[in-house]
C-alpha atoms as a PDB file:
ATOM      1  CA  MET A   1     -94.356 -50.141 -86.701  1.00  0.00           C
ATOM      2  CA  ASN A   2     -97.128 -48.551 -88.686  1.00  0.00           C
ATOM      3  CA  PRO A   3     -99.193 -45.700 -87.188  1.00  0.00           C
ATOM      4  CA  GLN A   4    -102.133 -47.966 -86.340  1.00  0.00           C
ATOM      5  CA  GLU A   5     -99.838 -50.368 -84.441  1.00  0.00           C
ATOM      6  CA  PHE A   6     -98.583 -47.440 -82.349  1.00  0.00           C
ATOM      7  CA  PHE A   7    -102.102 -46.317 -81.408  1.00  0.00           C
ATOM      8  CA  ASP A   8    -103.054 -49.916 -80.642  1.00  0.00           C
ATOM      9  CA  LEU A   9    -100.015 -50.144 -78.337  1.00  0.00           C
ATOM     10  CA  VAL A  10    -101.043 -46.953 -76.510  1.00  0.00           C
ATOM     11  CA  ARG A  11    -104.562 -48.330 -76.020  1.00  0.00           C
ATOM     12  CA  ALA A  12    -103.215 -51.732 -74.943  1.00  0.00           C
ATOM     13  CA  ARG A  13    -101.013 -50.224 -72.209  1.00  0.00           C
ATOM     14  CA  ARG A  14    -102.797 -51.098 -69.055  1.00  0.00           C
ATOM     15  CA  THR A  15    -101.878 -51.030 -65.428  1.00  0.00           C
ATOM     16  CA  GLN A  16    -101.281 -54.598 -64.371  1.00  0.00           C
ATOM     17  CA  LEU A  17    -100.082 -55.463 -60.894  1.00  0.00           C
ATOM     18  CA  VAL A  18    -100.755 -59.187 -61.011  1.00  0.00           C
ATOM     19  CA  MET A  19     -97.282 -60.420 -61.932  1.00  0.00           C
ATOM     20  CA  ASP A  20     -95.364 -63.665 -61.777  1.00  0.00           C
ATOM     21  CA  VAL A  21     -92.914 -62.732 -59.015  1.00  0.00           C
ATOM     22  CA  GLU A  22     -90.822 -65.835 -59.694  1.00  0.00           C
ATOM     23  CA  LYS A  23     -90.088 -64.958 -63.331  1.00  0.00           C
ATOM     24  CA  VAL A  24     -87.136 -62.550 -63.470  1.00  0.00           C
ATOM     25  CA  VAL A  25     -87.021 -59.470 -65.683  1.00  0.00           C
ATOM     26  CA  ASP A  26     -83.435 -59.487 -66.932  1.00  0.00           C
ATOM     27  CA  SER A  27     -81.127 -56.513 -66.486  1.00  0.00           C
ATOM     28  CA  ALA A  28     -80.787 -55.925 -70.244  1.00  0.00           C
ATOM     29  CA  THR A  29     -84.553 -55.403 -70.482  1.00  0.00           C
ATOM     30  CA  ILE A  30     -84.523 -52.929 -67.569  1.00  0.00           C
ATOM     31  CA  GLU A  31     -81.595 -51.064 -69.160  1.00  0.00           C
ATOM     32  CA  GLN A  32     -83.531 -50.928 -72.442  1.00  0.00           C
ATOM     33  CA  LEU A  33     -86.542 -49.405 -70.645  1.00  0.00           C
ATOM     34  CA  CYS A  34     -84.388 -46.822 -68.828  1.00  0.00           C
ATOM     35  CA  THR A  35     -82.744 -45.908 -72.130  1.00  0.00           C
ATOM     36  CA  ALA A  36     -86.188 -45.378 -73.661  1.00  0.00           C
ATOM     37  CA  ALA A  37     -86.923 -42.926 -70.845  1.00  0.00           C
ATOM     38  CA  ILE A  38     -83.975 -40.669 -71.581  1.00  0.00           C
ATOM     39  CA  TRP A  39     -85.209 -40.130 -75.133  1.00  0.00           C
ATOM     40  CA  ALA A  40     -88.244 -38.224 -73.862  1.00  0.00           C
ATOM     41  CA  PRO A  41     -88.406 -34.483 -74.586  1.00  0.00           C
ATOM     42  CA  ASN A  42     -86.224 -32.422 -72.238  1.00  0.00           C
ATOM     43  CA  HIS A  43     -86.809 -28.703 -72.808  1.00  0.00           C
ATOM     44  CA  GLN A  44     -83.534 -27.311 -71.430  1.00  0.00           C
ATOM     45  CA  LEU A  45     -81.402 -30.439 -71.961  1.00  0.00           C
ATOM     46  CA  THR A  46     -80.816 -30.827 -68.224  1.00  0.00           C
ATOM     47  CA  TRP A  47     -80.916 -34.656 -68.375  1.00  0.00           C
ATOM     48  CA  PRO A  48     -82.811 -34.867 -65.073  1.00  0.00           C
ATOM     49  CA  TRP A  49     -83.438 -38.646 -65.002  1.00  0.00           C
ATOM     50  CA  VAL A  50     -81.952 -40.875 -62.309  1.00  0.00           C
ATOM     51  CA  PHE A  51     -82.838 -44.551 -61.892  1.00  0.00           C
ATOM     52  CA  ALA A  52     -82.451 -47.138 -59.158  1.00  0.00           C
ATOM     53  CA  VAL A  53     -83.354 -50.784 -59.773  1.00  0.00           C
ATOM     54  CA  PHE A  54     -84.427 -53.100 -56.955  1.00  0.00           C
ATOM     55  CA  THR A  55     -84.640 -56.865 -57.394  1.00  0.00           C
ATOM     56  CA  GLY A  56     -84.417 -59.778 -54.990  1.00  0.00           C
ATOM     57  CA  GLU A  57     -84.104 -58.864 -51.304  1.00  0.00           C
ATOM     58  CA  SER A  58     -83.299 -55.215 -52.085  1.00  0.00           C
ATOM     59  CA  ARG A  59     -87.043 -54.743 -52.751  1.00  0.00           C
ATOM     60  CA  ARG A  60     -87.622 -55.469 -49.053  1.00  0.00           C
ATOM     61  CA  ARG A  61     -85.042 -52.802 -48.090  1.00  0.00           C
ATOM     62  CA  LEU A  62     -86.903 -50.281 -50.235  1.00  0.00           C
ATOM     63  CA  GLY A  63     -90.185 -51.171 -48.504  1.00  0.00           C
ATOM     64  CA  GLU A  64     -88.600 -50.873 -45.048  1.00  0.00           C
ATOM     65  CA  ALA A  65     -87.242 -47.393 -45.820  1.00  0.00           C
ATOM     66  CA  ALA A  66     -90.611 -46.155 -47.072  1.00  0.00           C
ATOM     67  CA  ALA A  67     -92.505 -47.765 -44.172  1.00  0.00           C
ATOM     68  CA  ASP A  68     -90.117 -46.348 -41.565  1.00  0.00           C
ATOM     69  CA  ALA A  69     -90.672 -42.841 -42.979  1.00  0.00           C
ATOM     70  CA  MET A  70     -94.435 -43.361 -42.866  1.00  0.00           C
ATOM     71  CA  GLN A  71     -94.264 -44.671 -39.312  1.00  0.00           C
ATOM     72  CA  ALA A  72     -92.225 -41.620 -38.240  1.00  0.00           C
ATOM     73  CA  ARG A  73     -95.028 -39.431 -39.696  1.00  0.00           C
ATOM     74  CA  GLY A  74     -97.606 -41.289 -37.631  1.00  0.00           C
ATOM     75  CA  ASP A  75     -99.351 -43.088 -40.492  1.00  0.00           C
ATOM     76  CA  ALA A  76    -101.768 -45.897 -39.625  1.00  0.00           C
ATOM     77  CA  GLU A  77     -99.977 -49.119 -38.739  1.00  0.00           C
ATOM     78  CA  MET A  78    -101.993 -51.072 -41.329  1.00  0.00           C
ATOM     79  CA  LYS A  79    -100.687 -48.804 -44.136  1.00  0.00           C
ATOM     80  CA  VAL A  80     -97.159 -48.996 -42.744  1.00  0.00           C
ATOM     81  CA  ALA A  81     -97.268 -52.808 -42.596  1.00  0.00           C
ATOM     82  CA  LYS A  82     -98.572 -53.021 -46.180  1.00  0.00           C
ATOM     83  CA  THR A  83     -95.768 -50.755 -47.409  1.00  0.00           C
ATOM     84  CA  ARG A  84     -93.106 -52.997 -45.860  1.00  0.00           C
ATOM     85  CA  THR A  85     -93.963 -55.764 -48.331  1.00  0.00           C
ATOM     86  CA  LYS A  86     -95.659 -54.104 -51.307  1.00  0.00           C
ATOM     87  CA  TYR A  87     -92.511 -53.895 -53.434  1.00  0.00           C
ATOM     88  CA  LEU A  88     -92.286 -57.699 -53.319  1.00  0.00           C
ATOM     89  CA  ARG A  89     -95.280 -57.906 -55.694  1.00  0.00           C
ATOM     90  CA  ALA A  90     -93.063 -57.545 -58.776  1.00  0.00           C
ATOM     91  CA  PRO A  91     -89.692 -59.056 -59.651  1.00  0.00           C
ATOM     92  CA  ALA A  92     -88.270 -55.626 -60.566  1.00  0.00           C
ATOM     93  CA  ILE A  93     -88.931 -52.203 -59.085  1.00  0.00           C
ATOM     94  CA  VAL A  94     -87.459 -49.157 -60.821  1.00  0.00           C
ATOM     95  CA  VAL A  95     -87.451 -45.906 -58.870  1.00  0.00           C
ATOM     96  CA  VAL A  96     -87.267 -42.928 -61.215  1.00  0.00           C
ATOM     97  CA  GLY A  97     -86.181 -39.614 -59.785  1.00  0.00           C
ATOM     98  CA  SER A  98     -86.185 -36.100 -61.176  1.00  0.00           C
ATOM     99  CA  LEU A  99     -83.192 -33.957 -60.264  1.00  0.00           C
ATOM    100  CA  PRO A 100     -83.879 -30.434 -59.029  1.00  0.00           C
ATOM    101  CA  GLY A 101     -83.268 -27.596 -61.471  1.00  0.00           C
ATOM    102  CA  GLU A 102     -81.541 -24.249 -61.045  1.00  0.00           C
ATOM    103  CA  SER A 103     -84.922 -22.505 -60.730  1.00  0.00           C
ATOM    104  CA  GLU A 104     -88.453 -23.445 -59.749  1.00  0.00           C
ATOM    105  CA  LEU A 105     -89.467 -23.436 -63.427  1.00  0.00           C
ATOM    106  CA  GLN A 106     -86.567 -25.696 -64.407  1.00  0.00           C
ATOM    107  CA  THR A 107     -87.422 -28.100 -61.566  1.00  0.00           C
ATOM    108  CA  GLU A 108     -91.003 -28.292 -62.885  1.00  0.00           C
ATOM    109  CA  GLU A 109     -89.783 -28.822 -66.458  1.00  0.00           C
ATOM    110  CA  ASN A 110     -87.420 -31.550 -65.224  1.00  0.00           C
ATOM    111  CA  ARG A 111     -90.343 -33.329 -63.588  1.00  0.00           C
ATOM    112  CA  ASP A 112     -92.380 -33.077 -66.788  1.00  0.00           C
ATOM    113  CA  ALA A 113     -89.487 -34.573 -68.786  1.00  0.00           C
ATOM    114  CA  VAL A 114     -89.112 -37.432 -66.304  1.00  0.00           C
ATOM    115  CA  ALA A 115     -92.868 -38.139 -66.420  1.00  0.00           C
ATOM    116  CA  ALA A 116     -92.685 -38.268 -70.230  1.00  0.00           C
ATOM    117  CA  GLY A 117     -89.733 -40.648 -69.883  1.00  0.00           C
ATOM    118  CA  ILE A 118     -91.765 -42.881 -67.595  1.00  0.00           C
ATOM    119  CA  GLN A 119     -94.474 -43.101 -70.251  1.00  0.00           C
ATOM    120  CA  ASN A 120     -91.791 -44.228 -72.716  1.00  0.00           C
ATOM    121  CA  MET A 121     -90.790 -46.936 -70.223  1.00  0.00           C
ATOM    122  CA  LEU A 122     -94.373 -48.112 -69.762  1.00  0.00           C
ATOM    123  CA  LEU A 123     -95.055 -48.254 -73.512  1.00  0.00           C
ATOM    124  CA  GLY A 124     -91.758 -50.067 -74.012  1.00  0.00           C
ATOM    125  CA  ALA A 125     -92.700 -52.587 -71.325  1.00  0.00           C
ATOM    126  CA  THR A 126     -96.045 -53.198 -73.028  1.00  0.00           C
ATOM    127  CA  SER A 127     -94.345 -53.726 -76.381  1.00  0.00           C
ATOM    128  CA  LEU A 128     -92.111 -56.376 -74.758  1.00  0.00           C
ATOM    129  CA  GLY A 129     -95.091 -58.157 -73.190  1.00  0.00           C
ATOM    130  CA  LEU A 130     -94.318 -57.015 -69.637  1.00  0.00           C
ATOM    131  CA  ALA A 131     -96.893 -56.011 -67.059  1.00  0.00           C
ATOM    132  CA  SER A 132     -96.262 -52.654 -65.429  1.00  0.00           C
ATOM    133  CA  PHE A 133     -97.613 -50.365 -62.757  1.00  0.00           C
ATOM    134  CA  TRP A 134     -96.727 -46.711 -62.059  1.00  0.00           C
ATOM    135  CA  SER A 135     -96.872 -45.755 -58.400  1.00  0.00           C
ATOM    136  CA  SER A 136     -95.558 -42.811 -56.429  1.00  0.00           C
ATOM    137  CA  ALA A 137     -93.560 -42.586 -53.227  1.00  0.00           C
ATOM    138  CA  PRO A 138     -95.753 -42.882 -50.146  1.00  0.00           C
ATOM    139  CA  LYS A 139     -96.606 -39.512 -48.601  1.00  0.00           C
ATOM    140  CA  GLY A 140     -93.648 -38.294 -46.543  1.00  0.00           C
ATOM    141  CA  ALA A 141     -91.247 -40.956 -47.870  1.00  0.00           C
ATOM    142  CA  ASN A 142     -89.665 -39.083 -50.816  1.00  0.00           C
ATOM    143  CA  GLU A 143     -86.372 -38.313 -49.041  1.00  0.00           C
ATOM    144  CA  ALA A 144     -86.140 -41.778 -47.437  1.00  0.00           C
ATOM    145  CA  ILE A 145     -86.608 -43.487 -50.797  1.00  0.00           C
ATOM    146  CA  GLY A 146     -84.201 -41.083 -52.493  1.00  0.00           C
ATOM    147  CA  SER A 147     -81.613 -41.855 -49.829  1.00  0.00           C
ATOM    148  CA  VAL A 148     -81.944 -45.644 -50.291  1.00  0.00           C
ATOM    149  CA  CYS A 149     -81.525 -45.043 -54.034  1.00  0.00           C
ATOM    150  CA  GLY A 150     -78.409 -42.946 -53.530  1.00  0.00           C
ATOM    151  CA  PHE A 151     -80.036 -39.974 -55.274  1.00  0.00           C
ATOM    152  CA  PRO A 152     -78.870 -36.422 -54.524  1.00  0.00           C
ATOM    153  CA  SER A 153     -80.848 -34.589 -51.852  1.00  0.00           C
ATOM    154  CA  GLY A 154     -83.853 -32.770 -53.291  1.00  0.00           C
ATOM    155  CA  THR A 155     -84.488 -35.370 -55.999  1.00  0.00           C
ATOM    156  CA  HIS A 156     -88.212 -35.826 -56.537  1.00  0.00           C
ATOM    157  CA  ILE A 157     -89.359 -39.442 -56.778  1.00  0.00           C
ATOM    158  CA  THR A 158     -91.529 -39.174 -59.875  1.00  0.00           C
ATOM    159  CA  GLY A 159     -92.283 -42.861 -60.157  1.00  0.00           C
ATOM    160  CA  VAL A 160     -91.928 -46.175 -58.415  1.00  0.00           C
ATOM    161  CA  LEU A 161     -92.431 -48.575 -61.308  1.00  0.00           C
ATOM    162  CA  TYR A 162     -93.292 -52.238 -60.960  1.00  0.00           C
ATOM    163  CA  PHE A 163     -92.216 -54.514 -63.847  1.00  0.00           C
ATOM    164  CA  GLY A 164     -92.858 -58.213 -64.310  1.00  0.00           C
ATOM    165  CA  TRP A 165     -94.381 -60.834 -66.525  1.00  0.00           C
ATOM    166  CA  PRO A 166     -98.186 -60.843 -66.351  1.00  0.00           C
ATOM    167  CA  ALA A 167     -99.813 -63.627 -64.364  1.00  0.00           C
ATOM    168  CA  ARG A 168    -103.135 -63.002 -66.166  1.00  0.00           C
ATOM    169  CA  ASP A 169    -104.525 -60.987 -69.037  1.00  0.00           C
ATOM    170  CA  PRO A 170    -105.201 -57.368 -68.054  1.00  0.00           C
ATOM    171  CA  ASN A 171    -108.700 -55.962 -68.118  1.00  0.00           C
ATOM    172  CA  PRO A 172    -108.519 -53.228 -70.763  1.00  0.00           C
ATOM    173  CA  GLY A 173    -111.162 -51.079 -69.052  1.00  0.00           C
ATOM    174  CA  GLU A 174    -112.699 -48.017 -70.576  1.00  0.00           C
ATOM    175  CA  ARG A 175    -111.670 -44.380 -70.829  1.00  0.00           C
ATOM    176  CA  PRO A 176    -113.867 -41.321 -71.261  1.00  0.00           C
ATOM    177  CA  PRO A 177    -113.479 -39.478 -74.550  1.00  0.00           C
ATOM    178  CA  ALA A 178    -110.751 -36.869 -74.720  1.00  0.00           C
ATOM    179  CA  ALA A 179    -111.941 -33.431 -73.538  1.00  0.00           C
ATOM    180  CA  ILE A 180    -110.966 -31.251 -76.502  1.00  0.00           C
ATOM    181  CA  THR A 181    -111.811 -27.605 -77.038  1.00  0.00           C
ATOM    182  CA  TRP A 182    -111.246 -26.514 -80.633  1.00  0.00           C
ATOM    183  CA  PHE A 183    -110.383 -22.957 -81.687  1.00  0.00           C
ATOM    184  CA  ASP A 184    -110.363 -21.709 -85.267  1.00  0.00           C
END
């Protein structure tokens, strides 16, 4: 890939949640994306990434766990009901967690490394022609989702990623120019 192709790929990466839910994303592709994540910078080499993949009916179980946590918090029933089925919008959901560090600073650095890994996953998905969407755990549902994933207690859910084959072309949208302050 030449430099221009890379920058074109970055610009082409668009959030796309309109996916063909019937067309499976194979496990080898998901493994390839997770492997791309672990090559992100990791300042103290703590290897903080953990992944859980939900396909088929397990996506419903994920939605139930998140919705139950929201309901226990007293969230509006409309939001709770939507959460019960929202993970069915994509054929593959990958929950990416960040393990806690030995200090507050290390925990923050772990989260930064996991976020950088997620960007690798999203760019990789775009390069393969997949649609993708980066979401977070619903407010108050971090521990419930982590538990369904089998993650250690205290793991921060950094991303709930939707992957599938696009059902339509994404709208590229616009971005404001980068806010850069130069010093010489």
